[in-house]
Protein backbone atom coordinates (compact mmCIF):
# COMPACT_ATOMS: atom_id res chain seq x y z
CA MET A 1 4.82 37.97 -6.10
CA GLU A 2 2.68 37.29 -3.02
CA ASP A 3 1.81 33.80 -4.28
CA ARG A 4 5.48 33.00 -4.84
CA VAL A 5 6.40 34.16 -1.33
CA LEU A 6 3.56 32.15 0.25
CA ARG A 7 4.50 29.03 -1.75
CA LYS A 8 8.07 29.31 -0.53
CA LEU A 9 6.91 29.73 3.07
CA PHE A 10 4.40 26.87 2.84
CA LEU A 11 7.03 24.54 1.39
CA GLY A 12 8.58 24.31 4.86
CA PHE A 13 5.18 23.49 6.38
CA ILE A 14 4.63 20.84 3.70
CA GLN A 15 7.99 19.23 4.47
CA ILE A 16 7.07 19.10 8.17
CA HIS A 17 3.76 17.43 7.26
CA ILE A 18 5.63 14.88 5.14
CA LEU A 19 8.08 14.08 7.94
CA HIS A 20 5.28 13.81 10.47
CA HIS A 21 3.30 11.32 8.41
CA ALA A 22 6.40 9.38 7.30
CA GLU A 23 7.26 8.96 10.98
CA THR A 24 3.87 7.37 11.67
CA GLU A 25 3.83 4.99 8.69
CA PRO A 26 5.26 4.69 5.18
CA ILE A 27 3.64 7.21 2.82
CA TYR A 28 3.38 7.47 -0.95
CA GLY A 29 2.89 10.49 -3.20
CA MET A 30 -0.80 10.28 -4.13
CA TRP A 31 -1.80 9.61 -0.52
CA MET A 32 0.29 12.57 0.61
CA LEU A 33 -1.32 14.83 -2.01
CA GLU A 34 -4.76 13.96 -0.62
CA GLU A 35 -3.61 14.42 2.98
CA LEU A 36 -2.14 17.83 2.19
CA LYS A 37 -5.34 18.80 0.39
CA HIS A 38 -7.22 18.19 3.68
CA HIS A 39 -4.96 20.81 5.23
CA GLY A 40 -5.62 23.37 2.50
CA TYR A 41 -2.53 22.77 0.36
CA ASN A 42 -3.48 22.34 -3.28
CA LEU A 43 -0.35 20.81 -4.81
CA SER A 44 0.17 18.99 -8.05
CA ALA A 45 2.16 15.79 -8.35
CA GLY A 46 4.70 17.84 -10.32
CA THR A 47 5.31 19.91 -7.19
CA LEU A 48 5.20 17.16 -4.56
CA TYR A 49 7.40 14.52 -6.19
CA PRO A 50 10.47 16.76 -6.50
CA VAL A 51 10.04 17.64 -2.80
CA LEU A 52 9.98 13.95 -1.88
CA HIS A 53 13.03 13.26 -4.08
CA THR A 54 14.94 16.16 -2.53
CA MET A 55 14.07 14.99 0.98
CA GLU A 56 15.32 11.54 0.03
CA LYS A 57 18.60 12.98 -1.32
CA GLU A 58 18.98 14.96 1.91
CA GLU A 59 18.58 11.66 3.80
CA LEU A 60 15.43 12.82 5.61
CA LEU A 61 13.41 10.04 3.98
CA ILE A 62 14.22 6.57 2.75
CA ARG A 63 12.37 5.08 -0.21
CA GLU A 64 11.14 1.54 -0.68
CA ASP A 65 9.67 0.46 -4.01
CA ARG A 66 6.69 -1.90 -3.69
CA LEU A 67 4.65 -3.66 -6.34
CA VAL A 68 0.99 -2.62 -5.94
CA ASP A 69 -1.65 -3.70 -8.46
CA GLY A 70 1.03 -4.43 -11.06
CA LYS A 71 2.73 -1.04 -10.65
CA ILE A 72 5.72 0.12 -8.65
CA ARG A 73 4.72 2.48 -5.84
CA LYS A 74 7.39 4.44 -3.98
CA TYR A 75 6.89 4.47 -0.22
CA TYR A 76 8.78 6.88 1.99
CA THR A 77 9.69 6.47 5.66
CA ILE A 78 11.45 8.90 7.94
CA THR A 79 15.16 8.33 8.65
CA PRO A 80 16.92 8.97 11.98
CA LEU A 81 18.13 12.30 10.57
CA GLY A 82 14.59 13.12 9.44
CA ALA A 83 13.32 12.36 12.96
CA GLU A 84 15.90 14.76 14.43
CA VAL A 85 14.86 17.47 11.96
CA LEU A 86 11.18 16.86 12.71
CA ASP A 87 11.80 17.08 16.46
CA GLU A 88 13.60 20.41 16.03
CA ALA A 89 10.89 21.70 13.67
CA ARG A 90 8.20 20.82 16.23
CA LYS A 91 10.04 22.79 18.92
CA LYS A 92 10.46 25.81 16.65
CA ALA A 93 6.84 25.61 15.42
CA TYR A 94 5.55 25.45 18.99
CA GLU A 95 7.71 28.41 19.99
CA LEU A 96 6.53 30.42 16.98
CA PHE A 97 2.87 29.53 17.61
CA ARG A 98 3.13 30.72 21.22
CA GLU A 99 4.77 33.97 20.12
CA ILE A 100 2.30 34.86 17.36
CA SER A 101 -0.80 33.79 19.30
CA ASP A 102 -0.10 36.05 22.33
């Protein structure tokens, strides 16, 4: 049960990471998996891609299909709504960090 609770909690952190990077430049799934791995999140593509699709449906990300090496790669960029959500998440994360680090 502890793993399930942590995964649910970390999902929010992962979504913040995705928004942060998608604000800086367009991202794609395999790159994001590697980036998250650097932060200690060991996700499979089967976990990440549904998150990206859900964030797209929620209009937090917009997708652009690009042809790369003969294959279609889906790039995601933050939307104005996603930027608002990220800004609010940053404020809440900062507030939480200050509270739990005192």
